[in-house]
Amino acid sequence: MEALLISTGIVALAEIGDKTQLLSLLLAAKFRKPWPIITGIFVATVINHLLAGWAGTLITQWLGPDAMRWILGVSFLAMAGWMLIPDKLDDDDAKVADSLGVLGATIVAFFLAEMGDKTQIATVALAAKFNELVPVVLGTTLGMMLANVPAVLLGEVAAKKLPVRLVHAVAAAIFAVLGILVLLGGDMVKWLS
């Protein structure tokens, strides 16, 4: 249960102001059909995060617990720093062939936008940390949906009212605490898992 809850919270916070949230706004403004966009976000996220989570669990199997502790601790600290850097939507992520339709365009655009994104890398790290694929992927997907569905439904007005810097600072603090706890090892790591 901890893997699910921590994954959901981290990704929901990390996604605020992220390029995929900006992409959600762009798709909502362009197509004005929220339900195919929401479905496309869900499908692309499940596929992307399933692949990322699978990679994380494979990494856990290949490396010993001591090496994993250091890699994960440093990775979480790096994610904390990365959270403080504002995200921008790449033009390439926003350009999707209209011939795919709303659902197809959303799936392709979202899948490509997630490649190498903070939330994809967080999914790899969380799956490696917890070594539980399904709860992590469910949590990261839920976190993605919690952040992006309101962006699709409420549009730009809601996005402008969110204190993005504060949300990113809170997410960065969570990643930093996780990194420190993992590096310290012992009983504090057991508290997380």
C-alpha atoms as a PDB file:
ATOM      1  CA  MET A   1       0.000   0.000   0.000  1.00  0.00           C
ATOM      2  CA  GLU A   2       2.894   2.369   0.738  1.00  0.00           C
ATOM      3  CA  ALA A   3       4.239   1.929  -2.803  1.00  0.00           C
ATOM      4  CA  LEU A   4       0.856   2.932  -4.232  1.00  0.00           C
ATOM      5  CA  LEU A   5       0.351   5.936  -1.957  1.00  0.00           C
ATOM      6  CA  ILE A   6       3.893   7.309  -2.223  1.00  0.00           C
ATOM      7  CA  SER A   7       3.914   6.829  -6.012  1.00  0.00           C
ATOM      8  CA  THR A   8       0.565   8.601  -6.358  1.00  0.00           C
ATOM      9  CA  GLY A   9       1.580  11.571  -4.211  1.00  0.00           C
ATOM     10  CA  ILE A  10       4.998  12.068  -5.744  1.00  0.00           C
ATOM     11  CA  VAL A  11       3.779  11.950  -9.342  1.00  0.00           C
ATOM     12  CA  ALA A  12       0.703  14.104  -8.688  1.00  0.00           C
ATOM     13  CA  LEU A  13       2.934  16.812  -7.199  1.00  0.00           C
ATOM     14  CA  ALA A  14       5.681  16.390  -9.803  1.00  0.00           C
ATOM     15  CA  GLU A  15       3.169  16.723 -12.627  1.00  0.00           C
ATOM     16  CA  ILE A  16       1.924  20.195 -11.620  1.00  0.00           C
ATOM     17  CA  GLY A  17       3.342  22.593 -14.214  1.00  0.00           C
ATOM     18  CA  ASP A  18       5.068  19.727 -16.063  1.00  0.00           C
ATOM     19  CA  LYS A  19       5.185  19.687 -19.865  1.00  0.00           C
ATOM     20  CA  THR A  20       2.598  16.908 -20.004  1.00  0.00           C
ATOM     21  CA  GLN A  21       0.217  19.070 -18.002  1.00  0.00           C
ATOM     22  CA  LEU A  22       0.873  21.870 -20.488  1.00  0.00           C
ATOM     23  CA  LEU A  23       0.215  19.359 -23.263  1.00  0.00           C
ATOM     24  CA  SER A  24      -3.114  18.498 -21.588  1.00  0.00           C
ATOM     25  CA  LEU A  25      -4.085  22.163 -21.731  1.00  0.00           C
ATOM     26  CA  LEU A  26      -2.997  22.417 -25.358  1.00  0.00           C
ATOM     27  CA  LEU A  27      -4.955  19.325 -26.405  1.00  0.00           C
ATOM     28  CA  ALA A  28      -8.042  20.519 -24.496  1.00  0.00           C
ATOM     29  CA  ALA A  29      -7.873  23.919 -26.208  1.00  0.00           C
ATOM     30  CA  LYS A  30      -7.286  22.407 -29.646  1.00  0.00           C
ATOM     31  CA  PHE A  31      -9.800  19.560 -29.681  1.00  0.00           C
ATOM     32  CA  ARG A  32     -12.357  20.651 -27.040  1.00  0.00           C
ATOM     33  CA  LYS A  33     -13.290  16.988 -26.439  1.00  0.00           C
ATOM     34  CA  PRO A  34     -12.238  16.165 -22.867  1.00  0.00           C
ATOM     35  CA  TRP A  35     -13.159  12.463 -22.626  1.00  0.00           C
ATOM     36  CA  PRO A  36     -11.072  11.176 -25.562  1.00  0.00           C
ATOM     37  CA  ILE A  37      -8.187  13.318 -24.267  1.00  0.00           C
ATOM     38  CA  ILE A  38      -8.525  11.897 -20.742  1.00  0.00           C
ATOM     39  CA  THR A  39      -8.719   8.358 -22.153  1.00  0.00           C
ATOM     40  CA  GLY A  40      -5.634   9.002 -24.285  1.00  0.00           C
ATOM     41  CA  ILE A  41      -3.699  10.344 -21.288  1.00  0.00           C
ATOM     42  CA  PHE A  42      -4.626   7.231 -19.318  1.00  0.00           C
ATOM     43  CA  VAL A  43      -3.643   4.774 -22.072  1.00  0.00           C
ATOM     44  CA  ALA A  44      -0.325   6.519 -22.814  1.00  0.00           C
ATOM     45  CA  THR A  45       0.527   6.789 -19.114  1.00  0.00           C
ATOM     46  CA  VAL A  46      -0.209   3.138 -18.359  1.00  0.00           C
ATOM     47  CA  ILE A  47       1.943   1.955 -21.269  1.00  0.00           C
ATOM     48  CA  ASN A  48       4.790   4.378 -20.538  1.00  0.00           C
ATOM     49  CA  HIS A  49       4.837   3.819 -16.780  1.00  0.00           C
ATOM     50  CA  LEU A  50       4.468   0.055 -17.144  1.00  0.00           C
ATOM     51  CA  LEU A  51       7.630   0.017 -19.274  1.00  0.00           C
ATOM     52  CA  ALA A  52       9.403   2.366 -16.842  1.00  0.00           C
ATOM     53  CA  GLY A  53       8.321   0.345 -13.797  1.00  0.00           C
ATOM     54  CA  TRP A  54       9.422  -2.887 -15.453  1.00  0.00           C
ATOM     55  CA  ALA A  55      12.854  -1.326 -16.070  1.00  0.00           C
ATOM     56  CA  GLY A  56      13.013  -0.328 -12.396  1.00  0.00           C
ATOM     57  CA  THR A  57      12.232  -3.824 -11.160  1.00  0.00           C
ATOM     58  CA  LEU A  58      14.823  -5.317 -13.540  1.00  0.00           C
ATOM     59  CA  ILE A  59      17.455  -2.935 -12.210  1.00  0.00           C
ATOM     60  CA  THR A  60      16.636  -4.098  -8.675  1.00  0.00           C
ATOM     61  CA  GLN A  61      17.168  -7.735  -9.666  1.00  0.00           C
ATOM     62  CA  TRP A  62      20.530  -7.035 -11.359  1.00  0.00           C
ATOM     63  CA  LEU A  63      22.137  -4.928  -8.662  1.00  0.00           C
ATOM     64  CA  GLY A  64      22.842  -5.803  -5.053  1.00  0.00           C
ATOM     65  CA  PRO A  65      21.023  -4.053  -2.198  1.00  0.00           C
ATOM     66  CA  ASP A  66      24.029  -1.905  -1.269  1.00  0.00           C
ATOM     67  CA  ALA A  67      24.531  -0.577  -4.809  1.00  0.00           C
ATOM     68  CA  MET A  68      20.769  -0.012  -5.146  1.00  0.00           C
ATOM     69  CA  ARG A  69      20.671   1.998  -1.930  1.00  0.00           C
ATOM     70  CA  TRP A  70      23.285   4.441  -3.234  1.00  0.00           C
ATOM     71  CA  ILE A  71      21.846   4.658  -6.748  1.00  0.00           C
ATOM     72  CA  LEU A  72      18.316   5.251  -5.444  1.00  0.00           C
ATOM     73  CA  GLY A  73      19.391   7.729  -2.788  1.00  0.00           C
ATOM     74  CA  VAL A  74      21.346   9.831  -5.272  1.00  0.00           C
ATOM     75  CA  SER A  75      18.539   9.473  -7.869  1.00  0.00           C
ATOM     76  CA  PHE A  76      15.930  10.802  -5.433  1.00  0.00           C
ATOM     77  CA  LEU A  77      18.200  13.733  -4.514  1.00  0.00           C
ATOM     78  CA  ALA A  78      18.751  14.477  -8.226  1.00  0.00           C
ATOM     79  CA  MET A  79      14.971  14.377  -8.760  1.00  0.00           C
ATOM     80  CA  ALA A  80      14.590  16.891  -5.919  1.00  0.00           C
ATOM     81  CA  GLY A  81      16.894  19.284  -7.745  1.00  0.00           C
ATOM     82  CA  TRP A  82      15.209  18.646 -11.098  1.00  0.00           C
ATOM     83  CA  MET A  83      11.792  19.461  -9.586  1.00  0.00           C
ATOM     84  CA  LEU A  84      12.980  23.014  -8.977  1.00  0.00           C
ATOM     85  CA  ILE A  85      13.674  23.582 -12.696  1.00  0.00           C
ATOM     86  CA  PRO A  86      10.567  24.856 -14.558  1.00  0.00           C
ATOM     87  CA  ASP A  87       9.327  22.687 -17.412  1.00  0.00           C
ATOM     88  CA  LYS A  88       8.459  23.935 -20.890  1.00  0.00           C
ATOM     89  CA  LEU A  89       6.451  22.237 -23.602  1.00  0.00           C
ATOM     90  CA  ASP A  90       8.572  21.294 -26.609  1.00  0.00           C
ATOM     91  CA  ASP A  91       7.071  22.195 -29.986  1.00  0.00           C
ATOM     92  CA  ASP A  92       7.684  18.637 -31.188  1.00  0.00           C
ATOM     93  CA  ASP A  93       5.561  17.246 -28.333  1.00  0.00           C
ATOM     94  CA  ALA A  94       2.675  19.510 -29.310  1.00  0.00           C
ATOM     95  CA  LYS A  95       2.710  18.622 -33.040  1.00  0.00           C
ATOM     96  CA  VAL A  96       0.694  15.491 -33.715  1.00  0.00           C
ATOM     97  CA  ALA A  97      -0.956  14.513 -36.985  1.00  0.00           C
ATOM     98  CA  ASP A  98      -4.649  15.454 -37.001  1.00  0.00           C
ATOM     99  CA  SER A  99      -5.383  12.290 -39.009  1.00  0.00           C
ATOM    100  CA  LEU A 100      -4.978  10.220 -35.816  1.00  0.00           C
ATOM    101  CA  GLY A 101      -8.101  11.714 -34.266  1.00  0.00           C
ATOM    102  CA  VAL A 102      -8.373  13.105 -30.752  1.00  0.00           C
ATOM    103  CA  LEU A 103      -7.726   9.807 -28.942  1.00  0.00           C
ATOM    104  CA  GLY A 104      -4.837   8.735 -31.191  1.00  0.00           C
ATOM    105  CA  ALA A 105      -3.246  12.168 -31.157  1.00  0.00           C
ATOM    106  CA  THR A 106      -3.418  12.273 -27.362  1.00  0.00           C
ATOM    107  CA  ILE A 107      -1.929   8.792 -26.931  1.00  0.00           C
ATOM    108  CA  VAL A 108       0.978   9.483 -29.298  1.00  0.00           C
ATOM    109  CA  ALA A 109       1.665  12.999 -27.993  1.00  0.00           C
ATOM    110  CA  PHE A 110       1.495  11.953 -24.340  1.00  0.00           C
ATOM    111  CA  PHE A 111       3.613   8.842 -24.794  1.00  0.00           C
ATOM    112  CA  LEU A 112       6.322  10.860 -26.559  1.00  0.00           C
ATOM    113  CA  ALA A 113       6.146  13.734 -24.069  1.00  0.00           C
ATOM    114  CA  GLU A 114       6.643  11.296 -21.163  1.00  0.00           C
ATOM    115  CA  MET A 115       9.833   9.806 -22.628  1.00  0.00           C
ATOM    116  CA  GLY A 116      12.671  10.877 -20.326  1.00  0.00           C
ATOM    117  CA  ASP A 117      10.313  13.102 -18.328  1.00  0.00           C
ATOM    118  CA  LYS A 118      10.551  13.525 -14.546  1.00  0.00           C
ATOM    119  CA  THR A 119       7.567  11.314 -13.876  1.00  0.00           C
ATOM    120  CA  GLN A 120       8.893   8.503 -16.082  1.00  0.00           C
ATOM    121  CA  ILE A 121      12.247   8.577 -14.317  1.00  0.00           C
ATOM    122  CA  ALA A 122      10.476   8.759 -10.952  1.00  0.00           C
ATOM    123  CA  THR A 123       8.513   5.651 -11.949  1.00  0.00           C
ATOM    124  CA  VAL A 124      11.746   3.788 -12.683  1.00  0.00           C
ATOM    125  CA  ALA A 125      13.213   4.857  -9.332  1.00  0.00           C
ATOM    126  CA  LEU A 126      10.051   4.057  -7.351  1.00  0.00           C
ATOM    127  CA  ALA A 127       9.704   0.623  -8.948  1.00  0.00           C
ATOM    128  CA  ALA A 128      13.355  -0.064  -8.139  1.00  0.00           C
ATOM    129  CA  LYS A 129      12.896   1.178  -4.562  1.00  0.00           C
ATOM    130  CA  PHE A 130       9.768  -0.804  -3.772  1.00  0.00           C
ATOM    131  CA  ASN A 131      10.388  -3.692  -6.214  1.00  0.00           C
ATOM    132  CA  GLU A 132       6.609  -3.798  -6.740  1.00  0.00           C
ATOM    133  CA  LEU A 133       5.570  -3.162 -10.335  1.00  0.00           C
ATOM    134  CA  VAL A 134       1.775  -3.088 -10.104  1.00  0.00           C
ATOM    135  CA  PRO A 135       1.329  -0.792  -7.059  1.00  0.00           C
ATOM    136  CA  VAL A 136       3.938   1.660  -8.386  1.00  0.00           C
ATOM    137  CA  VAL A 137       2.437   1.799 -11.892  1.00  0.00           C
ATOM    138  CA  LEU A 138      -1.069   2.145 -10.456  1.00  0.00           C
ATOM    139  CA  GLY A 139       0.159   4.938  -8.176  1.00  0.00           C
ATOM    140  CA  THR A 140       2.112   6.839 -10.818  1.00  0.00           C
ATOM    141  CA  THR A 141      -0.785   6.529 -13.267  1.00  0.00           C
ATOM    142  CA  LEU A 142      -3.246   7.737 -10.629  1.00  0.00           C
ATOM    143  CA  GLY A 143      -0.935  10.653  -9.803  1.00  0.00           C
ATOM    144  CA  MET A 144      -0.710  11.545 -13.492  1.00  0.00           C
ATOM    145  CA  MET A 145      -4.480  11.460 -13.835  1.00  0.00           C
ATOM    146  CA  LEU A 146      -5.008  13.529 -10.660  1.00  0.00           C
ATOM    147  CA  ALA A 147      -2.822  16.267 -12.104  1.00  0.00           C
ATOM    148  CA  ASN A 148      -3.914  16.166 -15.744  1.00  0.00           C
ATOM    149  CA  VAL A 149      -7.660  15.492 -15.678  1.00  0.00           C
ATOM    150  CA  PRO A 150      -8.394  18.833 -13.953  1.00  0.00           C
ATOM    151  CA  ALA A 151      -6.123  20.520 -16.502  1.00  0.00           C
ATOM    152  CA  VAL A 152      -8.221  19.058 -19.300  1.00  0.00           C
ATOM    153  CA  LEU A 153     -11.569  19.784 -17.637  1.00  0.00           C
ATOM    154  CA  LEU A 154     -10.851  23.208 -16.205  1.00  0.00           C
ATOM    155  CA  GLY A 155      -8.372  24.411 -18.745  1.00  0.00           C
ATOM    156  CA  GLU A 156      -5.958  27.254 -18.482  1.00  0.00           C
ATOM    157  CA  VAL A 157      -7.822  29.124 -15.730  1.00  0.00           C
ATOM    158  CA  ALA A 158      -7.030  26.441 -13.143  1.00  0.00           C
ATOM    159  CA  ALA A 159      -3.438  26.093 -14.282  1.00  0.00           C
ATOM    160  CA  LYS A 160      -2.822  29.825 -13.794  1.00  0.00           C
ATOM    161  CA  LYS A 161      -4.222  29.765 -10.233  1.00  0.00           C
ATOM    162  CA  LEU A 162      -2.083  26.888  -8.926  1.00  0.00           C
ATOM    163  CA  PRO A 163       1.022  27.971  -6.990  1.00  0.00           C
ATOM    164  CA  VAL A 164       3.335  25.963  -9.266  1.00  0.00           C
ATOM    165  CA  ARG A 165       6.552  27.009  -7.513  1.00  0.00           C
ATOM    166  CA  LEU A 166       5.186  25.990  -4.118  1.00  0.00           C
ATOM    167  CA  VAL A 167       3.942  22.642  -5.443  1.00  0.00           C
ATOM    168  CA  HIS A 168       7.332  21.983  -7.067  1.00  0.00           C
ATOM    169  CA  ALA A 169       9.111  22.925  -3.837  1.00  0.00           C
ATOM    170  CA  VAL A 170       6.956  20.475  -1.855  1.00  0.00           C
ATOM    171  CA  ALA A 171       7.627  17.717  -4.415  1.00  0.00           C
ATOM    172  CA  ALA A 172      11.361  18.508  -4.309  1.00  0.00           C
ATOM    173  CA  ALA A 173      11.322  18.285  -0.508  1.00  0.00           C
ATOM    174  CA  ILE A 174       9.597  14.889  -0.666  1.00  0.00           C
ATOM    175  CA  PHE A 175      12.190  13.586  -3.140  1.00  0.00           C
ATOM    176  CA  ALA A 176      15.009  14.972  -0.962  1.00  0.00           C
ATOM    177  CA  VAL A 177      13.620  13.316   2.182  1.00  0.00           C
ATOM    178  CA  LEU A 178      13.234  10.009   0.324  1.00  0.00           C
ATOM    179  CA  GLY A 179      16.812  10.295  -0.958  1.00  0.00           C
ATOM    180  CA  ILE A 180      18.214  10.988   2.490  1.00  0.00           C
ATOM    181  CA  LEU A 181      16.206   8.178   4.083  1.00  0.00           C
ATOM    182  CA  VAL A 182      17.360   5.706   1.453  1.00  0.00           C
ATOM    183  CA  LEU A 183      21.008   6.781   1.836  1.00  0.00           C
ATOM    184  CA  LEU A 184      20.838   6.509   5.620  1.00  0.00           C
ATOM    185  CA  GLY A 185      19.446   2.984   5.336  1.00  0.00           C
ATOM    186  CA  GLY A 186      18.533   1.029   8.442  1.00  0.00           C
ATOM    187  CA  ASP A 187      15.155   1.396  10.095  1.00  0.00           C
ATOM    188  CA  MET A 188      14.216   4.600   8.247  1.00  0.00           C
ATOM    189  CA  VAL A 189      14.256   2.759   4.910  1.00  0.00           C
ATOM    190  CA  LYS A 190      11.954   0.113   6.384  1.00  0.00           C
ATOM    191  CA  TRP A 191       9.555   2.927   7.320  1.00  0.00           C
ATOM    192  CA  LEU A 192       9.181   3.725   3.598  1.00  0.00           C
ATOM    193  CA  SER A 193       8.593   0.157   2.474  1.00  0.00           C
END
